[in-house]
C-alpha atoms as a PDB file:
ATOM      1  CA  MET A   1       0.000   0.000   0.000  1.00  0.00           C
ATOM      2  CA  LEU A   2       1.064   3.563  -0.502  1.00  0.00           C
ATOM      3  CA  LEU A   3      -0.189   7.037   0.253  1.00  0.00           C
ATOM      4  CA  GLU A   4       0.074   9.989  -2.086  1.00  0.00           C
ATOM      5  CA  GLY A   5      -0.374  13.708  -1.706  1.00  0.00           C
ATOM      6  CA  SER A   6      -0.087  16.738  -3.924  1.00  0.00           C
ATOM      7  CA  CYS A   7      -0.158  20.475  -3.601  1.00  0.00           C
ATOM      8  CA  LEU A   8      -3.159  22.480  -4.736  1.00  0.00           C
ATOM      9  CA  CYS A   9      -1.898  23.009  -8.279  1.00  0.00           C
ATOM     10  CA  GLY A  10      -0.409  19.500  -8.630  1.00  0.00           C
ATOM     11  CA  SER A  11       3.154  20.687  -9.338  1.00  0.00           C
ATOM     12  CA  ALA A  12       4.652  19.093  -6.204  1.00  0.00           C
ATOM     13  CA  ARG A  13       3.811  15.590  -5.025  1.00  0.00           C
ATOM     14  CA  TRP A  14       4.857  13.095  -2.398  1.00  0.00           C
ATOM     15  CA  ARG A  15       4.529   9.347  -2.000  1.00  0.00           C
ATOM     16  CA  PHE A  16       4.746   7.391   1.243  1.00  0.00           C
ATOM     17  CA  ASP A  17       5.367   3.694   0.660  1.00  0.00           C
ATOM     18  CA  GLY A  18       3.187   1.865   3.171  1.00  0.00           C
ATOM     19  CA  VAL A  19       1.122   3.494   5.898  1.00  0.00           C
ATOM     20  CA  PRO A  20       2.733   5.463   8.703  1.00  0.00           C
ATOM     21  CA  GLU A  21       2.187   4.259  12.267  1.00  0.00           C
ATOM     22  CA  SER A  22       1.002   7.710  13.229  1.00  0.00           C
ATOM     23  CA  ALA A  23       0.804  11.342  12.206  1.00  0.00           C
ATOM     24  CA  THR A  24       2.259  14.130  14.287  1.00  0.00           C
ATOM     25  CA  ILE A  25       0.416  17.307  15.086  1.00  0.00           C
ATOM     26  CA  CYS A  26       2.698  19.961  16.556  1.00  0.00           C
ATOM     27  CA  ASN A  27       2.077  23.357  18.122  1.00  0.00           C
ATOM     28  CA  CYS A  28       5.471  24.925  17.435  1.00  0.00           C
ATOM     29  CA  SER A  29       5.521  28.384  15.893  1.00  0.00           C
ATOM     30  CA  ALA A  30       5.908  26.995  12.349  1.00  0.00           C
ATOM     31  CA  CYS A  31       3.604  23.947  12.407  1.00  0.00           C
ATOM     32  CA  ARG A  32       0.703  25.748  14.042  1.00  0.00           C
ATOM     33  CA  ARG A  33       0.904  28.483  11.409  1.00  0.00           C
ATOM     34  CA  TYR A  34       1.204  26.003   8.545  1.00  0.00           C
ATOM     35  CA  GLY A  35      -1.529  23.708   9.884  1.00  0.00           C
ATOM     36  CA  THR A  36       0.448  20.598   8.999  1.00  0.00           C
ATOM     37  CA  LEU A  37       0.174  16.926   9.963  1.00  0.00           C
ATOM     38  CA  TRP A  38       3.486  15.111   9.577  1.00  0.00           C
ATOM     39  CA  ALA A  39       4.364  11.534   8.609  1.00  0.00           C
ATOM     40  CA  TYR A  40       8.080  10.735   9.003  1.00  0.00           C
ATOM     41  CA  ASP A  41      10.660   8.514   7.393  1.00  0.00           C
ATOM     42  CA  PHE A  42      13.835   8.951   5.339  1.00  0.00           C
ATOM     43  CA  GLU A  43      14.194  10.563   1.946  1.00  0.00           C
ATOM     44  CA  GLY A  44      14.412   7.965  -0.807  1.00  0.00           C
ATOM     45  CA  GLU A  45      13.300   5.130   1.451  1.00  0.00           C
ATOM     46  CA  ARG A  46       9.570   5.206   2.214  1.00  0.00           C
ATOM     47  CA  ILE A  47       9.178   8.892   1.293  1.00  0.00           C
ATOM     48  CA  HIS A  48       9.617  10.261  -2.231  1.00  0.00           C
ATOM     49  CA  VAL A  49       8.989  13.908  -3.189  1.00  0.00           C
ATOM     50  CA  SER A  50       8.727  14.980  -6.815  1.00  0.00           C
ATOM     51  CA  GLY A  51       8.215  18.254  -8.605  1.00  0.00           C
ATOM     52  CA  GLU A  52       9.736  21.604  -7.857  1.00  0.00           C
ATOM     53  CA  THR A  53       9.712  22.851  -4.280  1.00  0.00           C
ATOM     54  CA  ARG A  54      11.308  25.848  -2.642  1.00  0.00           C
ATOM     55  CA  PRO A  55      12.952  25.527   0.757  1.00  0.00           C
ATOM     56  CA  TYR A  56      12.504  27.951   3.622  1.00  0.00           C
ATOM     57  CA  MET A  57      14.867  28.033   6.598  1.00  0.00           C
ATOM     58  CA  ARG A  58      14.531  30.533   9.416  1.00  0.00           C
ATOM     59  CA  ARG A  59      18.288  30.855   9.804  1.00  0.00           C
ATOM     60  CA  PRO A  60      21.239  29.532   7.799  1.00  0.00           C
ATOM     61  CA  GLU A  61      22.065  27.110  10.636  1.00  0.00           C
ATOM     62  CA  SER A  62      18.503  25.687  10.843  1.00  0.00           C
ATOM     63  CA  VAL A  63      18.296  21.924  11.293  1.00  0.00           C
ATOM     64  CA  LEU A  64      15.418  21.616   8.846  1.00  0.00           C
ATOM     65  CA  SER A  65      13.894  23.307   5.851  1.00  0.00           C
ATOM     66  CA  PHE A  66      10.203  23.603   5.096  1.00  0.00           C
ATOM     67  CA  ASP A  67       9.634  22.912   1.412  1.00  0.00           C
ATOM     68  CA  PHE A  68       6.759  24.613  -0.416  1.00  0.00           C
ATOM     69  CA  CYS A  69       5.340  24.378  -3.906  1.00  0.00           C
ATOM     70  CA  GLY A  70       6.831  27.323  -5.766  1.00  0.00           C
ATOM     71  CA  THR A  71       3.561  27.876  -7.635  1.00  0.00           C
ATOM     72  CA  CYS A  72       0.672  27.526  -5.158  1.00  0.00           C
ATOM     73  CA  GLY A  73       2.571  27.791  -1.854  1.00  0.00           C
ATOM     74  CA  CYS A  74       1.394  24.567  -0.171  1.00  0.00           C
ATOM     75  CA  VAL A  75       3.717  23.097   2.470  1.00  0.00           C
ATOM     76  CA  VAL A  76       4.803  19.781   0.968  1.00  0.00           C
ATOM     77  CA  CYS A  77       7.403  18.507   3.446  1.00  0.00           C
ATOM     78  CA  TRP A  78      10.242  19.325   5.736  1.00  0.00           C
ATOM     79  CA  ARG A  79      13.746  17.973   5.267  1.00  0.00           C
ATOM     80  CA  SER A  80      16.602  17.705   7.681  1.00  0.00           C
ATOM     81  CA  THR A  81      19.510  19.885   6.628  1.00  0.00           C
ATOM     82  CA  ARG A  82      21.926  17.260   7.948  1.00  0.00           C
ATOM     83  CA  LEU A  83      22.420  13.565   7.313  1.00  0.00           C
ATOM     84  CA  ASP A  84      22.169  11.238  10.299  1.00  0.00           C
ATOM     85  CA  GLU A  85      25.026   8.968  11.371  1.00  0.00           C
ATOM     86  CA  ASP A  86      23.911   6.347   8.808  1.00  0.00           C
ATOM     87  CA  GLY A  87      24.014   8.891   5.979  1.00  0.00           C
ATOM     88  CA  LYS A  88      20.212   9.123   5.795  1.00  0.00           C
ATOM     89  CA  ARG A  89      18.171  12.323   5.545  1.00  0.00           C
ATOM     90  CA  ARG A  90      15.099  12.571   7.788  1.00  0.00           C
ATOM     91  CA  ILE A  91      12.005  13.915   6.044  1.00  0.00           C
ATOM     92  CA  ALA A  92       8.328  14.358   6.853  1.00  0.00           C
ATOM     93  CA  VAL A  93       5.461  14.840   4.421  1.00  0.00           C
ATOM     94  CA  ASN A  94       2.350  16.905   5.084  1.00  0.00           C
ATOM     95  CA  LEU A  95      -0.559  14.458   5.306  1.00  0.00           C
ATOM     96  CA  ARG A  96      -3.005  17.311   4.731  1.00  0.00           C
ATOM     97  CA  LEU A  97      -2.074  17.033   1.034  1.00  0.00           C
ATOM     98  CA  ALA A  98      -3.505  13.489   0.860  1.00  0.00           C
ATOM     99  CA  GLU A  99      -7.138  12.608   0.303  1.00  0.00           C
ATOM    100  CA  PRO A 100      -8.931  12.565   3.689  1.00  0.00           C
ATOM    101  CA  GLU A 101     -10.283   9.023   3.324  1.00  0.00           C
ATOM    102  CA  ALA A 102      -6.762   7.687   2.724  1.00  0.00           C
ATOM    103  CA  VAL A 103      -5.304   9.071   5.974  1.00  0.00           C
ATOM    104  CA  GLY A 104      -8.292   9.654   8.269  1.00  0.00           C
ATOM    105  CA  HIS A 105      -7.712   6.461  10.271  1.00  0.00           C
ATOM    106  CA  ILE A 106      -4.081   7.272  11.148  1.00  0.00           C
ATOM    107  CA  VAL A 107      -3.558   7.802  14.883  1.00  0.00           C
ATOM    108  CA  LEU A 108      -2.351  11.230  16.005  1.00  0.00           C
ATOM    109  CA  ASP A 109       0.758  11.810  18.063  1.00  0.00           C
ATOM    110  CA  ILE A 110       0.762  15.191  19.755  1.00  0.00           C
ATOM    111  CA  PHE A 111       4.095  16.973  20.058  1.00  0.00           C
ATOM    112  CA  ASP A 112       4.500  20.038  22.249  1.00  0.00           C
ATOM    113  CA  GLY A 113       6.994  21.936  20.133  1.00  0.00           C
ATOM    114  CA  LEU A 114       6.048  25.227  21.768  1.00  0.00           C
ATOM    115  CA  ASP A 115       6.856  24.678  25.448  1.00  0.00           C
ATOM    116  CA  THR A 116       8.261  21.313  26.538  1.00  0.00           C
ATOM    117  CA  PHE A 117       9.540  19.851  23.238  1.00  0.00           C
ATOM    118  CA  GLU A 118       8.091  16.501  24.318  1.00  0.00           C
ATOM    119  CA  ASP A 119       5.479  14.065  23.077  1.00  0.00           C
ATOM    120  CA  LEU A 120       2.194  14.354  24.915  1.00  0.00           C
ATOM    121  CA  PRO A 121       0.050  11.298  25.755  1.00  0.00           C
ATOM    122  CA  ARG A 122      -2.112  10.001  22.919  1.00  0.00           C
ATOM    123  CA  ASP A 123      -5.732  10.942  23.418  1.00  0.00           C
ATOM    124  CA  GLY A 124      -7.363   8.507  20.970  1.00  0.00           C
ATOM    125  CA  ARG A 125      -7.813  10.985  18.133  1.00  0.00           C
ATOM    126  CA  CYS A 126      -7.041  10.167  14.530  1.00  0.00           C
ATOM    127  CA  VAL A 127      -6.374  12.444  11.563  1.00  0.00           C
ATOM    128  CA  VAL A 128     -10.101  12.560  10.748  1.00  0.00           C
ATOM    129  CA  HIS A 129     -10.726  14.315  14.073  1.00  0.00           C
ATOM    130  CA  VAL A 130      -8.628  17.351  13.117  1.00  0.00           C
ATOM    131  CA  TRP A 131      -9.778  17.952   9.531  1.00  0.00           C
ATOM    132  CA  ALA A 132     -12.326  20.523  10.610  1.00  0.00           C
END
């Protein structure tokens, strides 16, 4: 099985091979403004992004870039700016770019990126509960 998502204009796309265990909703200053739901893996493994995107980094030394469609502005993914010790690049795709019925059942992990920088306890919600 695989999941797919695309920006509003269709210029940028992602594919997630398989189904992620969970989706992360975060309240950090970027994620809450972007309204994203993240599914994580490594670039070129289970996650593949195609089309032209433009990166945004707050500072040159940022540990990740947010990548947007250069045409319609949708947040497609974030990418680590550094490789891990195995030479892999961490990446997360924005599940809000997928069709709701394809991802609605995925359990939500809640990350407090604003205050504690810790995972909060799961509360039983799935992606479908935060579409509204």
